[in-house]
Amino acid sequence: MAKLLEGKQAIVLGIANKWSIAYAIAQAFSREGARLTLTYLGEHQKEAIESLANGLSVDRVLPCDVTKDEDLEKLTAGLGPLDAVVHCLAFANREDLGKPFVETGRAGFLLAQEVSAYSLVAVARATTPHMRNGGSLTTLTYLGSVRVVPNYNVMGVAKASLEASVRYLASDLGPQKIRVNAISAGPVKTASARAVKDFSTILDTVTKRAPLRRNCDTEEVGDTAVFLASHLGRGVTGNVIYVDSGMQIMGL
């Protein structure tokens, strides 16, 4: 059986550790035949990402801090032809997640927007010139972008901005046959999720309320990312695809 991403070149930004959604996506891409470029943030993370690259179809591991234009310029210079970009980057100060949204300071608000939303625009500008024959740009979002989720606060607002950016980028890049989409994953135990106060309560709520009565897993998100990057997803752009056991359809 042919692999869905055979012969494709992809870059995955934002792997933190083996539990991260970004790593599950990289595994799924590798399984389906894609050749990968991975990025790391700072020398302290380089060894960990290089270790995770073992066993995957990784061609190169490059440094990239998306808050620095010079890093994005270096990333652009280090890339060859691309077919798919996966953006898995988000950050907010822990203290801004643990207090009422109305108390969010200016600096914390802008930091969350820069890393979690604007970085998609910056990454698109750096990578899409390498997509000579069209391609796919995928990012990660969460239900807190459109509904109030306790203790998600400033990150929910940043994710709303990210989703709006997906739509505008899809419009801008569509004439170049580049598709832009977001996957709204259900709550998953990742390093970033631990910053959300009472995260275990969110997980428990999903198992009780979601139609499938369970939380999603990272492999399901990885498979959806494969679909979006493959020929099967050729008509999908500007969308948010929910992989959350159906939680997004529920009211009370």
C-alpha atoms as a PDB file:
ATOM      1  CA  MET A   1       0.000   0.000   0.000  1.00  0.00           C
ATOM      2  CA  ALA A   2       1.390   3.408  -0.984  1.00  0.00           C
ATOM      3  CA  LYS A   3       2.304   5.747   1.829  1.00  0.00           C
ATOM      4  CA  LEU A   4       0.255   8.956   1.917  1.00  0.00           C
ATOM      5  CA  LEU A   5       3.248  11.320   2.165  1.00  0.00           C
ATOM      6  CA  GLU A   6       5.779   9.391   0.099  1.00  0.00           C
ATOM      7  CA  GLY A   7       8.252  11.767  -1.548  1.00  0.00           C
ATOM      8  CA  LYS A   8       7.115  14.831   0.439  1.00  0.00           C
ATOM      9  CA  GLN A   9       9.340  17.166   2.427  1.00  0.00           C
ATOM     10  CA  ALA A  10       7.959  18.576   5.694  1.00  0.00           C
ATOM     11  CA  ILE A  11       9.091  20.748   8.586  1.00  0.00           C
ATOM     12  CA  VAL A  12       7.677  20.353  12.094  1.00  0.00           C
ATOM     13  CA  LEU A  13       8.184  23.234  14.518  1.00  0.00           C
ATOM     14  CA  GLY A  14       7.492  22.967  18.232  1.00  0.00           C
ATOM     15  CA  ILE A  15       8.440  19.501  19.459  1.00  0.00           C
ATOM     16  CA  ALA A  16       9.103  19.716  23.187  1.00  0.00           C
ATOM     17  CA  ASN A  17       9.368  16.065  24.237  1.00  0.00           C
ATOM     18  CA  LYS A  18       8.076  12.602  23.370  1.00  0.00           C
ATOM     19  CA  TRP A  19       4.636  13.387  24.816  1.00  0.00           C
ATOM     20  CA  SER A  20       4.017  16.469  22.664  1.00  0.00           C
ATOM     21  CA  ILE A  21       1.470  16.559  19.878  1.00  0.00           C
ATOM     22  CA  ALA A  22       4.175  17.838  17.539  1.00  0.00           C
ATOM     23  CA  TYR A  23       6.189  14.664  18.106  1.00  0.00           C
ATOM     24  CA  ALA A  24       3.146  12.488  17.369  1.00  0.00           C
ATOM     25  CA  ILE A  25       2.693  14.402  14.111  1.00  0.00           C
ATOM     26  CA  ALA A  26       6.354  13.897  13.216  1.00  0.00           C
ATOM     27  CA  GLN A  27       5.959  10.168  13.884  1.00  0.00           C
ATOM     28  CA  ALA A  28       2.863   9.989  11.678  1.00  0.00           C
ATOM     29  CA  PHE A  29       4.566  11.907   8.869  1.00  0.00           C
ATOM     30  CA  SER A  30       7.608   9.649   9.064  1.00  0.00           C
ATOM     31  CA  ARG A  31       5.405   6.542   9.022  1.00  0.00           C
ATOM     32  CA  GLU A  32       3.714   7.798   5.857  1.00  0.00           C
ATOM     33  CA  GLY A  33       6.977   8.414   4.010  1.00  0.00           C
ATOM     34  CA  ALA A  34       7.709  12.136   4.490  1.00  0.00           C
ATOM     35  CA  ARG A  35      11.261  13.388   4.950  1.00  0.00           C
ATOM     36  CA  LEU A  36      11.451  15.740   7.921  1.00  0.00           C
ATOM     37  CA  THR A  37      13.146  18.847   9.188  1.00  0.00           C
ATOM     38  CA  LEU A  38      12.742  19.492  12.920  1.00  0.00           C
ATOM     39  CA  THR A  39      13.490  22.670  14.850  1.00  0.00           C
ATOM     40  CA  TYR A  40      14.654  23.313  18.394  1.00  0.00           C
ATOM     41  CA  LEU A  41      14.625  26.344  20.689  1.00  0.00           C
ATOM     42  CA  GLY A  42      18.055  27.141  22.092  1.00  0.00           C
ATOM     43  CA  GLU A  43      21.100  24.966  22.629  1.00  0.00           C
ATOM     44  CA  HIS A  44      19.588  23.497  25.796  1.00  0.00           C
ATOM     45  CA  GLN A  45      16.944  21.750  23.676  1.00  0.00           C
ATOM     46  CA  LYS A  46      19.151  20.666  20.788  1.00  0.00           C
ATOM     47  CA  GLU A  47      20.290  17.339  22.240  1.00  0.00           C
ATOM     48  CA  ALA A  48      16.748  16.336  23.218  1.00  0.00           C
ATOM     49  CA  ILE A  49      15.365  17.020  19.734  1.00  0.00           C
ATOM     50  CA  GLU A  50      18.269  15.211  18.086  1.00  0.00           C
ATOM     51  CA  SER A  51      17.542  12.219  20.308  1.00  0.00           C
ATOM     52  CA  LEU A  52      13.844  12.274  19.376  1.00  0.00           C
ATOM     53  CA  ALA A  53      14.832  12.436  15.709  1.00  0.00           C
ATOM     54  CA  ASN A  54      16.378   8.981  15.985  1.00  0.00           C
ATOM     55  CA  GLY A  55      14.090   6.448  14.379  1.00  0.00           C
ATOM     56  CA  LEU A  56      12.291   9.090  12.333  1.00  0.00           C
ATOM     57  CA  SER A  57      12.970  10.039   8.717  1.00  0.00           C
ATOM     58  CA  VAL A  58      14.721  13.273   9.708  1.00  0.00           C
ATOM     59  CA  ASP A  59      17.126  14.964   7.288  1.00  0.00           C
ATOM     60  CA  ARG A  60      18.091  17.941   9.417  1.00  0.00           C
ATOM     61  CA  VAL A  61      17.551  19.558  12.816  1.00  0.00           C
ATOM     62  CA  LEU A  62      17.709  23.362  12.800  1.00  0.00           C
ATOM     63  CA  PRO A  63      17.605  26.066  15.487  1.00  0.00           C
ATOM     64  CA  CYS A  64      14.671  28.469  15.414  1.00  0.00           C
ATOM     65  CA  ASP A  65      13.315  31.012  17.877  1.00  0.00           C
ATOM     66  CA  VAL A  66      10.237  32.392  16.125  1.00  0.00           C
ATOM     67  CA  THR A  67      10.379  35.609  18.141  1.00  0.00           C
ATOM     68  CA  LYS A  68      13.646  36.521  16.382  1.00  0.00           C
ATOM     69  CA  ASP A  69      13.589  37.602  12.753  1.00  0.00           C
ATOM     70  CA  GLU A  70      17.230  36.628  12.317  1.00  0.00           C
ATOM     71  CA  ASP A  71      16.418  33.035  13.311  1.00  0.00           C
ATOM     72  CA  LEU A  72      13.609  32.903  10.775  1.00  0.00           C
ATOM     73  CA  GLU A  73      15.949  34.238   8.101  1.00  0.00           C
ATOM     74  CA  LYS A  74      18.477  31.512   8.939  1.00  0.00           C
ATOM     75  CA  LEU A  75      15.708  28.923   8.848  1.00  0.00           C
ATOM     76  CA  THR A  76      14.702  30.091   5.386  1.00  0.00           C
ATOM     77  CA  ALA A  77      18.282  29.795   4.191  1.00  0.00           C
ATOM     78  CA  GLY A  78      18.609  26.275   5.584  1.00  0.00           C
ATOM     79  CA  LEU A  79      15.524  24.839   3.917  1.00  0.00           C
ATOM     80  CA  GLY A  80      15.139  23.118   0.594  1.00  0.00           C
ATOM     81  CA  PRO A  81      11.877  22.437  -1.271  1.00  0.00           C
ATOM     82  CA  LEU A  82       8.873  21.943   1.015  1.00  0.00           C
ATOM     83  CA  ASP A  83       5.463  20.325   0.742  1.00  0.00           C
ATOM     84  CA  ALA A  84       4.194  20.682   4.304  1.00  0.00           C
ATOM     85  CA  VAL A  85       4.740  22.879   7.354  1.00  0.00           C
ATOM     86  CA  VAL A  86       3.432  21.985  10.807  1.00  0.00           C
ATOM     87  CA  HIS A  87       3.324  24.837  13.351  1.00  0.00           C
ATOM     88  CA  CYS A  88       2.962  23.613  16.950  1.00  0.00           C
ATOM     89  CA  LEU A  89       4.039  26.705  18.875  1.00  0.00           C
ATOM     90  CA  ALA A  90       2.282  28.397  21.772  1.00  0.00           C
ATOM     91  CA  PHE A  91       3.266  30.086  25.012  1.00  0.00           C
ATOM     92  CA  ALA A  92       1.824  32.250  27.773  1.00  0.00           C
ATOM     93  CA  ASN A  93       3.141  33.179  31.179  1.00  0.00           C
ATOM     94  CA  ARG A  94       1.950  30.687  33.800  1.00  0.00           C
ATOM     95  CA  GLU A  95       0.744  33.512  36.039  1.00  0.00           C
ATOM     96  CA  ASP A  96      -1.485  34.814  33.254  1.00  0.00           C
ATOM     97  CA  LEU A  97      -3.177  31.422  33.048  1.00  0.00           C
ATOM     98  CA  GLY A  98      -3.784  31.251  36.773  1.00  0.00           C
ATOM     99  CA  LYS A  99      -5.592  34.539  37.317  1.00  0.00           C
ATOM    100  CA  PRO A 100      -8.772  36.119  35.873  1.00  0.00           C
ATOM    101  CA  PHE A 101      -8.399  37.247  32.275  1.00  0.00           C
ATOM    102  CA  VAL A 102      -9.302  40.817  33.219  1.00  0.00           C
ATOM    103  CA  GLU A 103      -6.064  40.979  35.209  1.00  0.00           C
ATOM    104  CA  THR A 104      -3.859  40.107  32.246  1.00  0.00           C
ATOM    105  CA  GLY A 105      -1.045  42.626  31.875  1.00  0.00           C
ATOM    106  CA  ARG A 106      -0.021  44.212  28.597  1.00  0.00           C
ATOM    107  CA  ALA A 107       3.307  42.381  28.409  1.00  0.00           C
ATOM    108  CA  GLY A 108       1.743  38.987  29.079  1.00  0.00           C
ATOM    109  CA  PHE A 109      -1.001  39.578  26.526  1.00  0.00           C
ATOM    110  CA  LEU A 110       1.470  40.597  23.821  1.00  0.00           C
ATOM    111  CA  LEU A 111       3.804  37.688  24.586  1.00  0.00           C
ATOM    112  CA  ALA A 112       0.978  35.153  24.177  1.00  0.00           C
ATOM    113  CA  GLN A 113      -0.068  36.770  20.908  1.00  0.00           C
ATOM    114  CA  GLU A 114       3.474  36.901  19.529  1.00  0.00           C
ATOM    115  CA  VAL A 115       4.414  33.289  20.213  1.00  0.00           C
ATOM    116  CA  SER A 116       1.008  31.637  19.792  1.00  0.00           C
ATOM    117  CA  ALA A 117      -0.508  33.601  16.903  1.00  0.00           C
ATOM    118  CA  TYR A 118       1.878  35.953  15.106  1.00  0.00           C
ATOM    119  CA  SER A 119       4.470  33.207  14.823  1.00  0.00           C
ATOM    120  CA  LEU A 120       2.208  31.414  12.346  1.00  0.00           C
ATOM    121  CA  VAL A 121       2.330  34.459  10.073  1.00  0.00           C
ATOM    122  CA  ALA A 122       6.106  34.731  10.460  1.00  0.00           C
ATOM    123  CA  VAL A 123       6.614  31.017   9.799  1.00  0.00           C
ATOM    124  CA  ALA A 124       4.344  31.162   6.745  1.00  0.00           C
ATOM    125  CA  ARG A 125       6.366  34.053   5.320  1.00  0.00           C
ATOM    126  CA  ALA A 126       9.628  32.169   5.934  1.00  0.00           C
ATOM    127  CA  THR A 127       8.594  28.751   4.617  1.00  0.00           C
ATOM    128  CA  THR A 128       5.962  29.102   1.907  1.00  0.00           C
ATOM    129  CA  PRO A 129       8.434  30.451  -0.717  1.00  0.00           C
ATOM    130  CA  HIS A 130       9.909  26.933  -0.603  1.00  0.00           C
ATOM    131  CA  MET A 131       6.561  25.444  -1.684  1.00  0.00           C
ATOM    132  CA  ARG A 132       7.071  25.580  -5.432  1.00  0.00           C
ATOM    133  CA  ASN A 133       4.171  23.267  -6.254  1.00  0.00           C
ATOM    134  CA  GLY A 134       1.714  24.243  -3.560  1.00  0.00           C
ATOM    135  CA  GLY A 135       1.588  22.684  -0.126  1.00  0.00           C
ATOM    136  CA  SER A 136       0.013  22.498   3.297  1.00  0.00           C
ATOM    137  CA  LEU A 137       0.459  24.644   6.406  1.00  0.00           C
ATOM    138  CA  THR A 138      -1.117  23.228   9.571  1.00  0.00           C
ATOM    139  CA  THR A 139      -1.275  24.641  13.091  1.00  0.00           C
ATOM    140  CA  LEU A 140      -2.742  23.552  16.426  1.00  0.00           C
ATOM    141  CA  THR A 141      -5.544  25.238  18.312  1.00  0.00           C
ATOM    142  CA  TYR A 142      -8.013  24.432  21.102  1.00  0.00           C
ATOM    143  CA  LEU A 143     -11.689  24.846  21.976  1.00  0.00           C
ATOM    144  CA  GLY A 144     -10.787  27.695  24.344  1.00  0.00           C
ATOM    145  CA  SER A 145     -10.537  29.920  21.269  1.00  0.00           C
ATOM    146  CA  VAL A 146     -14.317  29.986  20.826  1.00  0.00           C
ATOM    147  CA  ARG A 147     -15.597  29.061  24.292  1.00  0.00           C
ATOM    148  CA  VAL A 148     -14.608  30.059  27.791  1.00  0.00           C
ATOM    149  CA  VAL A 149     -12.523  27.288  29.315  1.00  0.00           C
ATOM    150  CA  PRO A 150     -11.601  27.792  32.984  1.00  0.00           C
ATOM    151  CA  ASN A 151      -7.997  28.913  33.487  1.00  0.00           C
ATOM    152  CA  TYR A 152      -7.232  29.062  29.752  1.00  0.00           C
ATOM    153  CA  ASN A 153      -7.645  32.840  29.759  1.00  0.00           C
ATOM    154  CA  VAL A 154      -5.061  34.749  27.678  1.00  0.00           C
ATOM    155  CA  MET A 155      -4.207  31.612  25.696  1.00  0.00           C
ATOM    156  CA  GLY A 156      -7.825  31.312  24.568  1.00  0.00           C
ATOM    157  CA  VAL A 157      -7.666  34.831  23.150  1.00  0.00           C
ATOM    158  CA  ALA A 158      -4.360  34.036  21.449  1.00  0.00           C
ATOM    159  CA  LYS A 159      -5.839  30.900  19.894  1.00  0.00           C
ATOM    160  CA  ALA A 160      -8.782  32.951  18.600  1.00  0.00           C
ATOM    161  CA  SER A 161      -6.255  35.224  16.905  1.00  0.00           C
ATOM    162  CA  LEU A 162      -4.453  32.167  15.537  1.00  0.00           C
ATOM    163  CA  GLU A 163      -7.655  30.819  13.981  1.00  0.00           C
ATOM    164  CA  ALA A 164      -8.400  34.174  12.355  1.00  0.00           C
ATOM    165  CA  SER A 165      -4.855  34.166  10.997  1.00  0.00           C
ATOM    166  CA  VAL A 166      -5.488  30.727   9.474  1.00  0.00           C
ATOM    167  CA  ARG A 167      -8.397  32.132   7.471  1.00  0.00           C
ATOM    168  CA  TYR A 168      -6.522  35.192   6.229  1.00  0.00           C
ATOM    169  CA  LEU A 169      -3.442  33.169   5.335  1.00  0.00           C
ATOM    170  CA  ALA A 170      -5.609  30.649   3.488  1.00  0.00           C
ATOM    171  CA  SER A 171      -7.010  33.507   1.426  1.00  0.00           C
ATOM    172  CA  ASP A 172      -3.582  35.014   0.743  1.00  0.00           C
ATOM    173  CA  LEU A 173      -1.838  31.763  -0.120  1.00  0.00           C
ATOM    174  CA  GLY A 174      -4.620  29.943  -1.933  1.00  0.00           C
ATOM    175  CA  PRO A 175      -3.648  31.291  -5.369  1.00  0.00           C
ATOM    176  CA  GLN A 176      -0.261  29.601  -4.830  1.00  0.00           C
ATOM    177  CA  LYS A 177      -2.051  26.302  -4.134  1.00  0.00           C
ATOM    178  CA  ILE A 178      -1.007  26.458  -0.498  1.00  0.00           C
ATOM    179  CA  ARG A 179      -3.635  25.292   1.969  1.00  0.00           C
ATOM    180  CA  VAL A 180      -3.777  26.546   5.568  1.00  0.00           C
ATOM    181  CA  ASN A 181      -5.719  24.757   8.302  1.00  0.00           C
ATOM    182  CA  ALA A 182      -5.844  24.264  12.059  1.00  0.00           C
ATOM    183  CA  ILE A 183      -6.457  21.145  14.103  1.00  0.00           C
ATOM    184  CA  SER A 184      -8.358  21.780  17.317  1.00  0.00           C
ATOM    185  CA  ALA A 185      -7.176  18.936  19.510  1.00  0.00           C
ATOM    186  CA  GLY A 186      -8.910  17.953  22.698  1.00  0.00           C
ATOM    187  CA  PRO A 187      -7.018  18.293  25.980  1.00  0.00           C
ATOM    188  CA  VAL A 188      -3.868  16.154  26.024  1.00  0.00           C
ATOM    189  CA  LYS A 189      -1.326  15.719  28.813  1.00  0.00           C
ATOM    190  CA  THR A 190       1.581  17.718  27.422  1.00  0.00           C
ATOM    191  CA  ALA A 191       4.225  19.933  28.993  1.00  0.00           C
ATOM    192  CA  SER A 192       2.315  23.087  28.038  1.00  0.00           C
ATOM    193  CA  ALA A 193      -0.976  21.701  29.365  1.00  0.00           C
ATOM    194  CA  ARG A 194       0.528  21.391  32.823  1.00  0.00           C
ATOM    195  CA  ALA A 195       0.597  25.191  32.996  1.00  0.00           C
ATOM    196  CA  VAL A 196      -3.221  25.258  32.965  1.00  0.00           C
ATOM    197  CA  LYS A 197      -4.569  25.200  36.511  1.00  0.00           C
ATOM    198  CA  ASP A 198      -6.815  22.223  37.358  1.00  0.00           C
ATOM    199  CA  PHE A 199      -6.091  20.625  33.976  1.00  0.00           C
ATOM    200  CA  SER A 200      -7.075  17.210  35.326  1.00  0.00           C
ATOM    201  CA  THR A 201     -10.609  18.555  35.846  1.00  0.00           C
ATOM    202  CA  ILE A 202     -10.817  19.403  32.139  1.00  0.00           C
ATOM    203  CA  LEU A 203      -9.715  15.882  31.234  1.00  0.00           C
ATOM    204  CA  ASP A 204     -12.320  14.382  33.562  1.00  0.00           C
ATOM    205  CA  THR A 205     -15.064  16.593  32.145  1.00  0.00           C
ATOM    206  CA  VAL A 206     -14.360  15.404  28.605  1.00  0.00           C
ATOM    207  CA  THR A 207     -14.653  11.744  29.596  1.00  0.00           C
ATOM    208  CA  LYS A 208     -18.057  12.476  31.104  1.00  0.00           C
ATOM    209  CA  ARG A 209     -19.469  14.873  28.500  1.00  0.00           C
ATOM    210  CA  ALA A 210     -17.883  14.199  25.093  1.00  0.00           C
ATOM    211  CA  PRO A 211     -19.947  11.987  22.764  1.00  0.00           C
ATOM    212  CA  LEU A 212     -17.161   9.370  22.628  1.00  0.00           C
ATOM    213  CA  ARG A 213     -16.798   9.485  26.438  1.00  0.00           C
ATOM    214  CA  ARG A 214     -13.014   9.652  26.256  1.00  0.00           C
ATOM    215  CA  ASN A 215     -10.188  12.063  25.659  1.00  0.00           C
ATOM    216  CA  CYS A 216      -8.438  12.113  22.301  1.00  0.00           C
ATOM    217  CA  ASP A 217      -4.882  10.886  21.950  1.00  0.00           C
ATOM    218  CA  THR A 218      -1.920  12.368  20.130  1.00  0.00           C
ATOM    219  CA  GLU A 219      -1.916   9.641  17.469  1.00  0.00           C
ATOM    220  CA  GLU A 220      -5.386  10.747  16.328  1.00  0.00           C
ATOM    221  CA  VAL A 221      -4.103  14.290  15.911  1.00  0.00           C
ATOM    222  CA  GLY A 222      -1.076  13.010  14.003  1.00  0.00           C
ATOM    223  CA  ASP A 223      -3.268  11.064  11.601  1.00  0.00           C
ATOM    224  CA  THR A 224      -5.410  14.133  10.955  1.00  0.00           C
ATOM    225  CA  ALA A 225      -2.282  16.172  10.208  1.00  0.00           C
ATOM    226  CA  VAL A 226      -1.264  13.488   7.690  1.00  0.00           C
ATOM    227  CA  PHE A 227      -4.655  13.798   6.002  1.00  0.00           C
ATOM    228  CA  LEU A 228      -4.310  17.573   5.704  1.00  0.00           C
ATOM    229  CA  ALA A 229      -0.802  17.329   4.247  1.00  0.00           C
ATOM    230  CA  SER A 230      -1.701  14.563   1.808  1.00  0.00           C
ATOM    231  CA  HIS A 231      -3.503  14.444  -1.516  1.00  0.00           C
ATOM    232  CA  LEU A 232      -6.612  13.398   0.409  1.00  0.00           C
ATOM    233  CA  GLY A 233      -6.860  16.891   1.922  1.00  0.00           C
ATOM    234  CA  ARG A 234      -6.365  18.754  -1.358  1.00  0.00           C
ATOM    235  CA  GLY A 235      -9.723  20.548  -1.184  1.00  0.00           C
ATOM    236  CA  VAL A 236      -9.523  21.616   2.474  1.00  0.00           C
ATOM    237  CA  THR A 237      -8.286  25.079   3.432  1.00  0.00           C
ATOM    238  CA  GLY A 238      -9.137  27.803   5.917  1.00  0.00           C
ATOM    239  CA  ASN A 239     -10.719  25.297   8.267  1.00  0.00           C
ATOM    240  CA  VAL A 240     -10.530  24.253  11.890  1.00  0.00           C
ATOM    241  CA  ILE A 241     -10.832  20.477  12.168  1.00  0.00           C
ATOM    242  CA  TYR A 242     -11.819  19.216  15.613  1.00  0.00           C
ATOM    243  CA  VAL A 243     -10.145  16.075  16.956  1.00  0.00           C
ATOM    244  CA  ASP A 244     -11.641  16.104  20.442  1.00  0.00           C
ATOM    245  CA  SER A 245     -14.009  13.128  20.742  1.00  0.00           C
ATOM    246  CA  GLY A 246     -16.849  15.461  19.762  1.00  0.00           C
ATOM    247  CA  MET A 247     -16.568  17.764  22.778  1.00  0.00           C
ATOM    248  CA  GLN A 248     -17.012  20.879  20.616  1.00  0.00           C
ATOM    249  CA  ILE A 249     -20.669  20.020  19.829  1.00  0.00           C
ATOM    250  CA  MET A 250     -21.754  19.904  23.469  1.00  0.00           C
ATOM    251  CA  GLY A 251     -23.558  22.668  25.303  1.00  0.00           C
ATOM    252  CA  LEU A 252     -24.104  22.217  29.009  1.00  0.00           C
END
